PDB file of all heavy atoms in Angstrom:
ATOM      1  N   VAL A   1     158.727  92.551 211.642  1.00  0.00           N
ATOM      2  CA  VAL A   1     158.537  91.333 210.934  1.00  0.00           C
ATOM      3  C   VAL A   1     157.047  90.844 211.146  1.00  0.00           C
ATOM      4  O   VAL A   1     156.400  91.187 212.189  1.00  0.00           O
ATOM      5  CB  VAL A   1     159.502  90.274 211.521  1.00  0.00           C
ATOM      6  CG1 VAL A   1     159.220  90.025 213.069  1.00  0.00           C
ATOM      7  CG2 VAL A   1     159.403  88.902 210.734  1.00  0.00           C
ATOM      8  N   MET A   2     156.563  90.141 210.116  1.00  0.00           N
ATOM      9  CA  MET A   2     155.246  89.526 210.223  1.00  0.00           C
ATOM     10  C   MET A   2     155.369  88.060 209.879  1.00  0.00           C
ATOM     11  O   MET A   2     156.332  87.736 209.107  1.00  0.00           O
ATOM     12  CB  MET A   2     154.174  90.181 209.314  1.00  0.00           C
ATOM     13  CG  MET A   2     154.023  91.687 209.521  1.00  0.00           C
ATOM     14  SD  MET A   2     152.827  92.409 208.466  1.00  0.00           S
ATOM     15  CE  MET A   2     151.347  91.983 209.253  1.00  0.00           C
ATOM     16  N   GLY A   3     154.481  87.231 210.418  1.00  0.00           N
ATOM     17  CA  GLY A   3     154.661  85.843 210.144  1.00  0.00           C
ATOM     18  C   GLY A   3     153.366  85.097 210.261  1.00  0.00           C
ATOM     19  O   GLY A   3     152.451  85.613 210.775  1.00  0.00           O
ATOM     20  N   TRP A   4     153.445  83.792 209.968  1.00  0.00           N
ATOM     21  CA  TRP A   4     152.370  82.777 210.203  1.00  0.00           C
ATOM     22  C   TRP A   4     152.903  81.624 210.917  1.00  0.00           C
ATOM     23  O   TRP A   4     154.009  81.131 210.700  1.00  0.00           O
ATOM     24  CB  TRP A   4     151.858  82.395 208.837  1.00  0.00           C
ATOM     25  CG  TRP A   4     151.079  83.358 208.128  1.00  0.00           C
ATOM     26  CD1 TRP A   4     151.560  84.299 207.150  1.00  0.00           C
ATOM     27  CD2 TRP A   4     149.649  83.591 208.213  1.00  0.00           C
ATOM     28  NE1 TRP A   4     150.529  85.083 206.685  1.00  0.00           N
ATOM     29  CE2 TRP A   4     149.371  84.732 207.358  1.00  0.00           C
ATOM     30  CE3 TRP A   4     148.600  83.108 209.060  1.00  0.00           C
ATOM     31  CZ2 TRP A   4     148.020  85.271 207.235  1.00  0.00           C
ATOM     32  CZ3 TRP A   4     147.382  83.635 208.875  1.00  0.00           C
ATOM     33  CH2 TRP A   4     147.093  84.746 208.007  1.00  0.00           C
ATOM     34  N   TYR A   5     152.103  81.298 211.936  1.00  0.00           N
ATOM     35  CA  TYR A   5     152.347  80.028 212.688  1.00  0.00           C
ATOM     36  C   TYR A   5     151.164  79.050 212.608  1.00  0.00           C
ATOM     37  O   TYR A   5     150.097  79.506 212.195  1.00  0.00           O
ATOM     38  CB  TYR A   5     152.563  80.345 214.273  1.00  0.00           C
ATOM     39  CG  TYR A   5     153.888  81.109 214.415  1.00  0.00           C
ATOM     40  CD1 TYR A   5     153.975  82.531 214.110  1.00  0.00           C
ATOM     41  CD2 TYR A   5     154.937  80.573 215.105  1.00  0.00           C
ATOM     42  CE1 TYR A   5     155.074  83.320 214.353  1.00  0.00           C
ATOM     43  CE2 TYR A   5     156.104  81.289 215.336  1.00  0.00           C
ATOM     44  CZ  TYR A   5     156.128  82.592 214.900  1.00  0.00           C
ATOM     45  OH  TYR A   5     157.227  83.341 215.246  1.00  0.00           O
ATOM     46  N   ARG A   6     151.336  77.888 212.942  1.00  0.00           N
ATOM     47  CA  ARG A   6     150.163  76.951 212.917  1.00  0.00           C
ATOM     48  C   ARG A   6     150.251  75.841 214.027  1.00  0.00           C
ATOM     49  O   ARG A   6     151.424  75.676 214.541  1.00  0.00           O
ATOM     50  CB  ARG A   6     150.047  76.145 211.629  1.00  0.00           C
ATOM     51  CG  ARG A   6     151.212  75.215 211.320  1.00  0.00           C
ATOM     52  CD  ARG A   6     151.080  74.590 209.981  1.00  0.00           C
ATOM     53  NE  ARG A   6     152.120  73.590 209.628  1.00  0.00           N
ATOM     54  CZ  ARG A   6     152.199  73.050 208.444  1.00  0.00           C
ATOM     55  NH1 ARG A   6     151.449  73.390 207.442  1.00  0.00           N
ATOM     56  NH2 ARG A   6     153.216  72.209 208.280  1.00  0.00           N
ATOM     57  N   GLN A   7     149.183  75.417 214.445  1.00  0.00           N
ATOM     58  CA  GLN A   7     149.037  74.360 215.543  1.00  0.00           C
ATOM     59  C   GLN A   7     148.084  73.392 215.108  1.00  0.00           C
ATOM     60  O   GLN A   7     146.956  73.569 215.015  1.00  0.00           O
ATOM     61  CB  GLN A   7     148.658  75.009 216.885  1.00  0.00           C
ATOM     62  CG  GLN A   7     148.818  74.062 218.003  1.00  0.00           C
ATOM     63  CD  GLN A   7     148.634  74.658 219.386  1.00  0.00           C
ATOM     64  OE1 GLN A   7     148.296  75.849 219.507  1.00  0.00           O
ATOM     65  NE2 GLN A   7     149.230  74.022 220.394  1.00  0.00           N
ATOM     66  N   ALA A   8     148.632  72.139 214.893  1.00  0.00           N
ATOM     67  CA  ALA A   8     147.761  71.009 214.566  1.00  0.00           C
ATOM     68  C   ALA A   8     147.268  70.336 215.782  1.00  0.00           C
ATOM     69  O   ALA A   8     147.860  70.402 216.973  1.00  0.00           O
ATOM     70  CB  ALA A   8     148.494  70.040 213.646  1.00  0.00           C
ATOM     71  N   PRO A   9     146.276  69.490 215.680  1.00  0.00           N
ATOM     72  CA  PRO A   9     145.670  68.826 216.917  1.00  0.00           C
ATOM     73  C   PRO A   9     146.723  67.952 217.574  1.00  0.00           C
ATOM     74  O   PRO A   9     147.387  67.183 216.842  1.00  0.00           O
ATOM     75  CB  PRO A   9     144.522  68.008 216.355  1.00  0.00           C
ATOM     76  CG  PRO A   9     144.116  68.749 215.179  1.00  0.00           C
ATOM     77  CD  PRO A   9     145.346  69.371 214.574  1.00  0.00           C
ATOM     78  N   GLY A  10     146.980  68.050 218.805  1.00  0.00           N
ATOM     79  CA  GLY A  10     147.944  67.259 219.536  1.00  0.00           C
ATOM     80  C   GLY A  10     149.399  67.595 219.305  1.00  0.00           C
ATOM     81  O   GLY A  10     150.320  66.834 219.724  1.00  0.00           O
ATOM     82  N   LYS A  11     149.625  68.766 218.609  1.00  0.00           N
ATOM     83  CA  LYS A  11     151.014  69.085 218.317  1.00  0.00           C
ATOM     84  C   LYS A  11     151.262  70.558 218.789  1.00  0.00           C
ATOM     85  O   LYS A  11     150.346  71.301 219.109  1.00  0.00           O
ATOM     86  CB  LYS A  11     151.311  69.064 216.762  1.00  0.00           C
ATOM     87  CG  LYS A  11     151.170  67.738 216.201  1.00  0.00           C
ATOM     88  CD  LYS A  11     151.554  67.689 214.752  1.00  0.00           C
ATOM     89  CE  LYS A  11     151.484  66.319 214.118  1.00  0.00           C
ATOM     90  NZ  LYS A  11     151.883  66.289 212.653  1.00  0.00           N
ATOM     91  N   GLN A  12     152.555  70.832 218.938  1.00  0.00           N
ATOM     92  CA  GLN A  12     152.961  72.191 219.413  1.00  0.00           C
ATOM     93  C   GLN A  12     152.824  73.158 218.160  1.00  0.00           C
ATOM     94  O   GLN A  12     152.959  72.803 217.035  1.00  0.00           O
ATOM     95  CB  GLN A  12     154.448  72.131 219.813  1.00  0.00           C
ATOM     96  CG  GLN A  12     154.702  71.283 221.041  1.00  0.00           C
ATOM     97  CD  GLN A  12     153.937  71.671 222.266  1.00  0.00           C
ATOM     98  OE1 GLN A  12     153.114  70.962 222.746  1.00  0.00           O
ATOM     99  NE2 GLN A  12     154.281  72.908 222.765  1.00  0.00           N
ATOM    100  N   ARG A  13     152.711  74.437 218.620  1.00  0.00           N
ATOM    101  CA  ARG A  13     152.611  75.499 217.602  1.00  0.00           C
ATOM    102  C   ARG A  13     154.046  75.551 216.904  1.00  0.00           C
ATOM    103  O   ARG A  13     155.087  75.549 217.528  1.00  0.00           O
ATOM    104  CB  ARG A  13     152.373  76.861 218.264  1.00  0.00           C
ATOM    105  CG  ARG A  13     152.249  78.043 217.378  1.00  0.00           C
ATOM    106  CD  ARG A  13     151.947  79.296 218.057  1.00  0.00           C
ATOM    107  NE  ARG A  13     152.888  79.653 219.041  1.00  0.00           N
ATOM    108  CZ  ARG A  13     152.922  80.647 219.849  1.00  0.00           C
ATOM    109  NH1 ARG A  13     151.823  81.408 219.810  1.00  0.00           N
ATOM    110  NH2 ARG A  13     153.955  80.862 220.616  1.00  0.00           N
ATOM    111  N   GLU A  14     154.019  75.748 215.503  1.00  0.00           N
ATOM    112  CA  GLU A  14     155.324  75.897 214.767  1.00  0.00           C
ATOM    113  C   GLU A  14     155.247  77.034 213.887  1.00  0.00           C
ATOM    114  O   GLU A  14     154.220  77.488 213.385  1.00  0.00           O
ATOM    115  CB  GLU A  14     155.447  74.585 213.983  1.00  0.00           C
ATOM    116  CG  GLU A  14     154.437  74.274 212.895  1.00  0.00           C
ATOM    117  CD  GLU A  14     154.744  73.080 212.097  1.00  0.00           C
ATOM    118  OE1 GLU A  14     155.933  72.575 212.171  1.00  0.00           O
ATOM    119  OE2 GLU A  14     153.946  72.656 211.364  1.00  0.00           O
ATOM    120  N   LEU A  15     156.455  77.548 213.600  1.00  0.00           N
ATOM    121  CA  LEU A  15     156.606  78.580 212.619  1.00  0.00           C
ATOM    122  C   LEU A  15     156.418  78.043 211.293  1.00  0.00           C
ATOM    123  O   LEU A  15     156.973  77.001 210.975  1.00  0.00           O
ATOM    124  CB  LEU A  15     158.030  79.241 212.815  1.00  0.00           C
ATOM    125  CG  LEU A  15     158.262  80.295 211.817  1.00  0.00           C
ATOM    126  CD1 LEU A  15     157.602  81.585 212.018  1.00  0.00           C
ATOM    127  CD2 LEU A  15     159.855  80.602 211.845  1.00  0.00           C
ATOM    128  N   VAL A  16     155.645  78.744 210.437  1.00  0.00           N
ATOM    129  CA  VAL A  16     155.347  78.438 209.000  1.00  0.00           C
ATOM    130  C   VAL A  16     156.275  79.290 208.090  1.00  0.00           C
ATOM    131  O   VAL A  16     156.949  78.797 207.250  1.00  0.00           O
ATOM    132  CB  VAL A  16     153.952  78.610 208.749  1.00  0.00           C
ATOM    133  CG1 VAL A  16     153.696  78.324 207.180  1.00  0.00           C
ATOM    134  CG2 VAL A  16     153.016  77.602 209.586  1.00  0.00           C
ATOM    135  N   ALA A  17     156.056  80.626 208.263  1.00  0.00           N
ATOM    136  CA  ALA A  17     156.862  81.582 207.374  1.00  0.00           C
ATOM    137  C   ALA A  17     156.848  82.905 208.052  1.00  0.00           C
ATOM    138  O   ALA A  17     155.976  83.212 208.852  1.00  0.00           O
ATOM    139  CB  ALA A  17     156.103  81.657 206.057  1.00  0.00           C
ATOM    140  N   VAL A  18     157.931  83.666 207.767  1.00  0.00           N
ATOM    141  CA  VAL A  18     158.083  85.044 208.201  1.00  0.00           C
ATOM    142  C   VAL A  18     158.440  85.935 207.159  1.00  0.00           C
ATOM    143  O   VAL A  18     159.097  85.413 206.084  1.00  0.00           O
ATOM    144  CB  VAL A  18     159.074  85.187 209.346  1.00  0.00           C
ATOM    145  CG1 VAL A  18     158.461  84.447 210.677  1.00  0.00           C
ATOM    146  CG2 VAL A  18     160.420  84.648 209.048  1.00  0.00           C
ATOM    147  N   ILE A  19     158.216  87.267 207.160  1.00  0.00           N
ATOM    148  CA  ILE A  19     158.562  88.181 206.221  1.00  0.00           C
ATOM    149  C   ILE A  19     158.945  89.461 206.859  1.00  0.00           C
ATOM    150  O   ILE A  19     158.202  89.974 207.800  1.00  0.00           O
ATOM    151  CB  ILE A  19     157.454  88.379 205.216  1.00  0.00           C
ATOM    152  CG1 ILE A  19     157.924  89.226 204.009  1.00  0.00           C
ATOM    153  CG2 ILE A  19     156.134  88.751 205.732  1.00  0.00           C
ATOM    154  CD1 ILE A  19     156.906  89.323 202.876  1.00  0.00           C
ATOM    155  N   THR A  20     159.953  90.019 206.400  1.00  0.00           N
ATOM    156  CA  THR A  20     160.465  91.318 206.931  1.00  0.00           C
ATOM    157  C   THR A  20     159.724  92.456 206.339  1.00  0.00           C
ATOM    158  O   THR A  20     159.096  92.288 205.264  1.00  0.00           O
ATOM    159  CB  THR A  20     161.903  91.533 206.818  1.00  0.00           C
ATOM    160  OG1 THR A  20     162.333  91.736 205.506  1.00  0.00           O
ATOM    161  CG2 THR A  20     162.759  90.343 207.438  1.00  0.00           C
ATOM    162  N   GLY A  21     159.890  93.696 206.745  1.00  0.00           N
ATOM    163  CA  GLY A  21     159.332  94.879 206.178  1.00  0.00           C
ATOM    164  C   GLY A  21     159.804  95.120 204.773  1.00  0.00           C
ATOM    165  O   GLY A  21     159.082  95.698 203.932  1.00  0.00           O
ATOM    166  N   GLY A  22     161.072  94.667 204.411  1.00  0.00           N
ATOM    167  CA  GLY A  22     161.614  94.827 203.167  1.00  0.00           C
ATOM    168  C   GLY A  22     161.304  93.668 202.286  1.00  0.00           C
ATOM    169  O   GLY A  22     161.699  93.781 201.118  1.00  0.00           O
ATOM    170  N   GLY A  23     160.517  92.680 202.663  1.00  0.00           N
ATOM    171  CA  GLY A  23     160.133  91.589 201.841  1.00  0.00           C
ATOM    172  C   GLY A  23     161.042  90.286 201.852  1.00  0.00           C
ATOM    173  O   GLY A  23     160.831  89.348 201.086  1.00  0.00           O
ATOM    174  N   MET A  24     162.009  90.249 202.711  1.00  0.00           N
ATOM    175  CA  MET A  24     162.785  89.055 202.851  1.00  0.00           C
ATOM    176  C   MET A  24     161.946  87.956 203.565  1.00  0.00           C
ATOM    177  O   MET A  24     161.372  88.175 204.612  1.00  0.00           O
ATOM    178  CB  MET A  24     164.055  89.206 203.640  1.00  0.00           C
ATOM    179  CG  MET A  24     165.031  90.182 202.854  1.00  0.00           C
ATOM    180  SD  MET A  24     166.549  90.521 203.814  1.00  0.00           S
ATOM    181  CE  MET A  24     167.283  88.795 203.755  1.00  0.00           C
ATOM    182  N   THR A  25     162.093  86.749 203.146  1.00  0.00           N
ATOM    183  CA  THR A  25     161.183  85.625 203.611  1.00  0.00           C
ATOM    184  C   THR A  25     162.086  84.501 204.080  1.00  0.00           C
ATOM    185  O   THR A  25     163.070  84.154 203.662  1.00  0.00           O
ATOM    186  CB  THR A  25     160.165  85.177 202.498  1.00  0.00           C
ATOM    187  OG1 THR A  25     160.915  84.678 201.407  1.00  0.00           O
ATOM    188  CG2 THR A  25     159.364  86.290 202.031  1.00  0.00           C
ATOM    189  N   THR A  26     161.401  83.724 205.005  1.00  0.00           N
ATOM    190  CA  THR A  26     161.908  82.465 205.635  1.00  0.00           C
ATOM    191  C   THR A  26     160.821  81.537 205.658  1.00  0.00           C
ATOM    192  O   THR A  26     159.713  81.859 206.201  1.00  0.00           O
ATOM    193  CB  THR A  26     162.609  82.708 206.918  1.00  0.00           C
ATOM    194  OG1 THR A  26     163.634  83.734 206.838  1.00  0.00           O
ATOM    195  CG2 THR A  26     163.265  81.495 207.420  1.00  0.00           C
ATOM    196  N   TYR A  27     160.929  80.227 205.425  1.00  0.00           N
ATOM    197  CA  TYR A  27     160.082  79.278 205.451  1.00  0.00           C
ATOM    198  C   TYR A  27     160.388  78.029 206.278  1.00  0.00           C
ATOM    199  O   TYR A  27     161.604  77.689 206.234  1.00  0.00           O
ATOM    200  CB  TYR A  27     159.581  78.806 203.989  1.00  0.00           C
ATOM    201  CG  TYR A  27     158.900  79.814 203.183  1.00  0.00           C
ATOM    202  CD1 TYR A  27     159.789  80.637 202.341  1.00  0.00           C
ATOM    203  CD2 TYR A  27     157.627  80.009 203.219  1.00  0.00           C
ATOM    204  CE1 TYR A  27     159.221  81.591 201.585  1.00  0.00           C
ATOM    205  CE2 TYR A  27     156.959  81.041 202.346  1.00  0.00           C
ATOM    206  CZ  TYR A  27     157.830  81.790 201.556  1.00  0.00           C
ATOM    207  OH  TYR A  27     157.289  82.779 200.742  1.00  0.00           O
ATOM    208  N   ALA A  28     159.468  77.456 206.881  1.00  0.00           N
ATOM    209  CA  ALA A  28     159.720  76.064 207.517  1.00  0.00           C
ATOM    210  C   ALA A  28     160.013  75.153 206.433  1.00  0.00           C
ATOM    211  O   ALA A  28     159.419  75.206 205.269  1.00  0.00           O
ATOM    212  CB  ALA A  28     158.583  75.645 208.269  1.00  0.00           C
TER     213      ALA A  28
END
């Protein structure tokens, strides 16, 4: 799996999106 996370000033890191090797995706 590969994914993107983000962290805004003063906030915790959060999951943005993930994608499996086969192309299945999940989004915040």
